[in-house]
Amino acid sequence: MTIFGEIAQITLRALLGRRRTLLMLLLAAIPILVGLLVRANARPGPVDVGAFLDAIVIRVVLPLVALVFGTAALGSELEDGTAVHVLTKPIRRSTIVLAKITVAGTLTAALLVPSTIVAGMLIAGLLNTRPGSDPITATFAIGLGVLVGSYLYAAIFVALSIVTSRGLLVGLGYALIWEGILAGLLPGSQVFSVREYVRGIAETLEPSSIESIVGSSAVAYAAIALVTASVIASLRLAVYEVRGGE
């Protein structure tokens, strides 16, 4: 097994072995539960699948689940000192960071992509779905956007956990204040919003799914954000090793 695979395997066991996983399962179930409630209490009038999934999954559940997995993937090891066993070995810091991002992003996606699709299907099954839309295609388009967003958020939160010991708190503020409020109010700020990247990817795949200000440029923005967060995390981890040896 490669060094990348070994680190990823250790990280996976650590994240799944914690009680937080149960909480993440409950969070991931929220869209489905709300979808069941909407379906059970459907009233006359169009139902917008895109708006529903945006309000619950993209705005709230996705960043929260990624925040917990992302900050715990490496941040917990840095806090309790167990990361020293990896940092003292001749392993490229980028390999460590990419392994952590991969595991955190994959766990987030594994929980939320199915949840998004099931919740969307529940809404798509309503007879009064918004006219002119293809709710099933829109659901899968948003699901793919959530897949990409899982890794983007994971990269950002892994980087935050290295940059600051208060990664969870700072990340929560970022998710709730910037992504939830400011990025939708300040002109031009949407190009720095993961939420808009997710929406843009979904809109590119299915124009009727959801509207985004960044549009098809979301793919390029997402790639730049992923690389930037990974590089920052790798550079900061290299500095952390030097400080850890002082």
Protein backbone atom coordinates (compact mmCIF):
# COMPACT_ATOMS: atom_id res chain seq x y z
CA MET A 1 0.00 0.00 0.00
CA THR A 2 1.25 3.48 -0.82
CA ILE A 3 1.92 6.19 1.77
CA PHE A 4 -1.15 8.05 0.50
CA GLY A 5 -3.28 4.94 0.97
CA GLU A 6 -1.95 4.28 4.46
CA ILE A 7 -2.65 7.84 5.62
CA ALA A 8 -6.10 7.76 4.04
CA GLN A 9 -6.90 4.43 5.73
CA ILE A 10 -5.79 5.68 9.15
CA THR A 11 -7.80 8.88 8.69
CA LEU A 12 -10.88 6.95 7.63
CA ARG A 13 -10.74 4.71 10.68
CA ALA A 14 -10.25 7.70 12.96
CA LEU A 15 -13.21 9.63 11.55
CA LEU A 16 -15.58 6.67 11.45
CA GLY A 17 -14.54 5.55 14.90
CA ARG A 18 -15.81 8.71 16.55
CA ARG A 19 -19.30 9.46 17.84
CA ARG A 20 -19.46 12.47 15.53
CA THR A 21 -20.24 10.05 12.69
CA LEU A 22 -23.66 9.38 14.19
CA LEU A 23 -24.33 13.10 14.29
CA MET A 24 -23.31 13.40 10.65
CA LEU A 25 -25.72 10.63 9.71
CA LEU A 26 -28.50 12.53 11.45
CA LEU A 27 -27.55 15.74 9.63
CA ALA A 28 -27.48 13.92 6.31
CA ALA A 29 -30.96 12.56 7.00
CA ILE A 30 -32.45 16.05 7.43
CA PRO A 31 -33.07 16.70 3.69
CA ILE A 32 -34.84 13.35 3.38
CA LEU A 33 -36.99 13.97 6.46
CA VAL A 34 -37.94 17.43 5.24
CA GLY A 35 -38.66 15.99 1.79
CA LEU A 36 -41.02 13.46 3.36
CA LEU A 37 -42.78 16.23 5.26
CA VAL A 38 -43.15 18.35 2.14
CA ARG A 39 -44.48 15.40 0.20
CA ALA A 40 -46.93 14.46 2.95
CA ASN A 41 -48.22 18.02 3.26
CA ALA A 42 -48.03 19.12 -0.36
CA ARG A 43 -50.39 21.96 -1.20
CA PRO A 44 -51.56 23.28 -4.55
CA GLY A 45 -48.87 25.31 -6.30
CA PRO A 46 -45.49 24.63 -7.92
CA VAL A 47 -42.64 23.08 -5.97
CA ASP A 48 -39.12 24.18 -6.96
CA VAL A 49 -36.74 21.26 -6.47
CA GLY A 50 -33.70 23.49 -6.95
CA ALA A 51 -34.81 26.02 -4.34
CA PHE A 52 -35.64 23.23 -1.90
CA LEU A 53 -32.26 21.52 -2.19
CA ASP A 54 -30.43 24.84 -2.17
CA ALA A 55 -32.08 25.98 1.04
CA ILE A 56 -31.48 22.77 2.96
CA VAL A 57 -28.52 20.92 1.46
CA ILE A 58 -26.30 23.54 -0.20
CA ARG A 59 -26.79 26.33 2.33
CA VAL A 60 -26.86 24.35 5.58
CA VAL A 61 -26.18 20.63 5.66
CA LEU A 62 -23.31 20.43 3.14
CA PRO A 63 -21.02 23.01 4.79
CA LEU A 64 -21.75 21.68 8.30
CA VAL A 65 -20.96 18.05 7.49
CA ALA A 66 -17.83 19.02 5.56
CA LEU A 67 -16.81 21.30 8.43
CA VAL A 68 -16.87 18.50 10.98
CA PHE A 69 -15.06 15.96 8.79
CA GLY A 70 -12.63 18.51 7.36
CA THR A 71 -11.47 20.02 10.64
CA ALA A 72 -11.27 16.61 12.34
CA ALA A 73 -9.30 14.89 9.54
CA LEU A 74 -6.04 16.55 10.58
CA GLY A 75 -6.94 19.15 13.20
CA SER A 76 -7.71 16.53 15.85
CA GLU A 77 -4.33 14.89 15.33
CA LEU A 78 -2.54 18.22 15.57
CA GLU A 79 -4.37 19.04 18.80
CA ASP A 80 -3.75 15.75 20.59
CA GLY A 81 -0.19 15.39 19.29
CA THR A 82 -0.67 12.14 17.37
CA ALA A 83 0.17 13.88 14.08
CA VAL A 84 3.81 14.03 15.19
CA HIS A 85 4.23 10.37 14.21
CA VAL A 86 3.48 11.30 10.59
CA LEU A 87 5.20 14.68 10.56
CA THR A 88 8.51 13.25 11.78
CA LYS A 89 8.68 10.87 8.83
CA PRO A 90 10.04 11.86 5.39
CA ILE A 91 6.60 12.22 3.83
CA ARG A 92 5.65 15.03 1.48
CA ARG A 93 3.29 17.41 3.23
CA SER A 94 1.16 17.62 0.11
CA THR A 95 0.62 13.84 0.31
CA ILE A 96 -0.64 14.14 3.88
CA VAL A 97 -2.92 17.05 3.03
CA LEU A 98 -4.36 15.43 -0.11
CA ALA A 99 -5.04 12.19 1.76
CA LYS A 100 -6.90 14.10 4.49
CA ILE A 101 -8.91 16.11 1.94
CA THR A 102 -9.75 12.98 -0.03
CA VAL A 103 -11.08 11.13 3.00
CA ALA A 104 -13.01 14.10 4.43
CA GLY A 105 -14.48 14.95 1.02
CA THR A 106 -15.39 11.36 0.24
CA LEU A 107 -17.16 10.86 3.57
CA THR A 108 -19.08 14.10 3.09
CA ALA A 109 -20.08 13.14 -0.45
CA ALA A 110 -20.96 9.58 0.56
CA LEU A 111 -23.48 10.94 3.05
CA LEU A 112 -24.88 13.91 1.16
CA VAL A 113 -25.03 12.94 -2.51
CA PRO A 114 -27.46 10.05 -1.83
CA SER A 115 -29.36 12.23 0.64
CA THR A 116 -29.66 15.00 -1.98
CA ILE A 117 -30.88 12.63 -4.66
CA VAL A 118 -33.42 10.90 -2.40
CA ALA A 119 -34.76 14.23 -1.11
CA GLY A 120 -34.95 15.60 -4.65
CA MET A 121 -36.79 12.51 -5.86
CA LEU A 122 -39.33 12.89 -3.10
CA ILE A 123 -40.05 16.42 -4.30
CA ALA A 124 -39.85 15.41 -7.97
CA GLY A 125 -42.54 12.84 -7.31
CA LEU A 126 -45.07 15.56 -6.57
CA LEU A 127 -47.58 16.27 -9.30
CA ASN A 128 -47.34 20.02 -8.77
CA THR A 129 -43.62 20.38 -9.49
CA ARG A 130 -42.63 23.75 -11.01
CA PRO A 131 -43.78 23.95 -14.68
CA GLY A 132 -41.08 23.93 -17.35
CA SER A 133 -38.55 22.14 -15.17
CA ASP A 134 -37.15 18.63 -15.28
CA PRO A 135 -37.01 17.81 -11.56
CA ILE A 136 -35.29 14.45 -11.92
CA THR A 137 -32.47 15.78 -14.10
CA ALA A 138 -32.23 18.83 -11.86
CA THR A 139 -31.87 16.61 -8.81
CA PHE A 140 -28.95 14.68 -10.29
CA ALA A 141 -27.32 17.91 -11.50
CA ILE A 142 -27.46 19.33 -7.99
CA GLY A 143 -26.21 16.00 -6.65
CA LEU A 144 -23.10 16.32 -8.84
CA GLY A 145 -22.68 19.89 -7.64
CA VAL A 146 -22.82 18.64 -4.05
CA LEU A 147 -20.20 16.02 -4.92
CA VAL A 148 -17.77 18.72 -6.06
CA GLY A 149 -18.72 20.97 -3.15
CA SER A 150 -17.91 18.19 -0.68
CA TYR A 151 -14.26 18.17 -1.72
CA LEU A 152 -14.05 21.96 -1.97
CA TYR A 153 -15.37 22.50 1.54
CA ALA A 154 -13.21 19.64 2.84
CA ALA A 155 -10.09 21.28 1.38
CA ILE A 156 -10.96 24.66 2.90
CA PHE A 157 -11.70 23.22 6.33
CA VAL A 158 -8.60 20.99 6.36
CA ALA A 159 -6.56 24.11 5.59
CA LEU A 160 -8.32 26.04 8.36
CA SER A 161 -7.57 23.29 10.88
CA ILE A 162 -3.87 23.69 10.11
CA VAL A 163 -3.82 27.49 10.00
CA THR A 164 -5.60 27.91 13.32
CA SER A 165 -6.32 25.79 16.38
CA ARG A 166 -9.85 27.23 16.29
CA GLY A 167 -10.59 25.74 12.89
CA LEU A 168 -14.03 24.45 13.88
CA LEU A 169 -15.14 27.84 15.22
CA VAL A 170 -13.66 29.83 12.34
CA GLY A 171 -15.11 27.37 9.85
CA LEU A 172 -18.53 27.63 11.42
CA GLY A 173 -18.37 31.40 11.10
CA TYR A 174 -17.29 31.07 7.48
CA ALA A 175 -20.10 28.65 6.67
CA LEU A 176 -22.86 30.55 8.44
CA ILE A 177 -21.82 34.17 7.98
CA TRP A 178 -19.93 34.29 4.69
CA GLU A 179 -21.56 31.45 2.74
CA GLY A 180 -24.96 31.85 4.35
CA ILE A 181 -25.34 35.64 4.42
CA LEU A 182 -22.63 37.92 3.09
CA ALA A 183 -21.79 36.08 -0.14
CA GLY A 184 -25.35 36.60 -1.29
CA LEU A 185 -25.47 40.29 -0.42
CA LEU A 186 -22.12 41.84 -1.37
CA PRO A 187 -21.76 42.54 -5.12
CA GLY A 188 -19.06 40.38 -6.70
CA SER A 189 -18.54 38.29 -3.59
CA GLN A 190 -20.21 35.30 -5.20
CA VAL A 191 -17.00 34.45 -7.07
CA PHE A 192 -15.50 33.54 -3.68
CA SER A 193 -18.43 31.40 -2.56
CA VAL A 194 -18.37 27.60 -2.66
CA ARG A 195 -22.13 27.68 -2.53
CA GLU A 196 -22.17 29.56 -5.85
CA TYR A 197 -19.73 27.07 -7.35
CA VAL A 198 -22.08 24.23 -6.43
CA ARG A 199 -25.04 26.12 -7.88
CA GLY A 200 -23.08 27.03 -10.99
CA ILE A 201 -22.05 23.44 -11.67
CA ALA A 202 -25.65 22.30 -11.28
CA GLU A 203 -26.90 25.06 -13.58
CA THR A 204 -24.28 24.15 -16.19
CA LEU A 205 -25.45 20.54 -16.19
CA GLU A 206 -29.16 21.39 -16.09
CA PRO A 207 -30.20 25.04 -16.68
CA SER A 208 -33.62 24.47 -15.11
CA SER A 209 -32.18 23.13 -11.86
CA ILE A 210 -31.03 26.29 -10.13
CA GLU A 211 -29.75 29.78 -10.90
CA SER A 212 -26.20 30.91 -10.25
CA ILE A 213 -24.39 34.19 -10.79
CA VAL A 214 -21.10 32.52 -11.73
CA GLY A 215 -22.68 30.13 -14.24
CA SER A 216 -20.36 27.83 -16.18
CA SER A 217 -17.33 29.67 -14.75
CA ALA A 218 -18.02 27.72 -11.55
CA VAL A 219 -15.92 24.82 -12.84
CA ALA A 220 -12.83 27.01 -13.21
CA TYR A 221 -13.44 28.78 -9.90
CA ALA A 222 -13.88 25.44 -8.14
CA ALA A 223 -10.62 24.10 -9.55
CA ILE A 224 -8.74 27.23 -8.49
CA ALA A 225 -10.25 27.11 -5.00
CA LEU A 226 -9.37 23.44 -4.55
CA VAL A 227 -5.76 23.92 -5.64
CA THR A 228 -5.36 27.10 -3.56
CA ALA A 229 -6.69 25.52 -0.37
CA SER A 230 -4.51 22.42 -0.88
CA VAL A 231 -1.37 24.50 -1.46
CA ILE A 232 -2.03 26.72 1.57
CA ALA A 233 -2.60 23.65 3.75
CA SER A 234 0.58 21.97 2.50
CA LEU A 235 2.74 25.06 3.04
CA ARG A 236 1.30 25.69 6.49
CA LEU A 237 1.82 22.06 7.50
CA ALA A 238 5.50 22.31 6.50
CA VAL A 239 5.89 25.33 8.78
CA TYR A 240 4.03 23.49 11.54
CA GLU A 241 6.63 20.71 11.44
CA VAL A 242 9.44 23.21 11.99
CA ARG A 243 7.64 24.78 14.94
CA GLY A 244 6.82 21.36 16.37
CA GLY A 245 10.51 20.59 16.54
CA GLU A 246 11.49 23.80 18.31
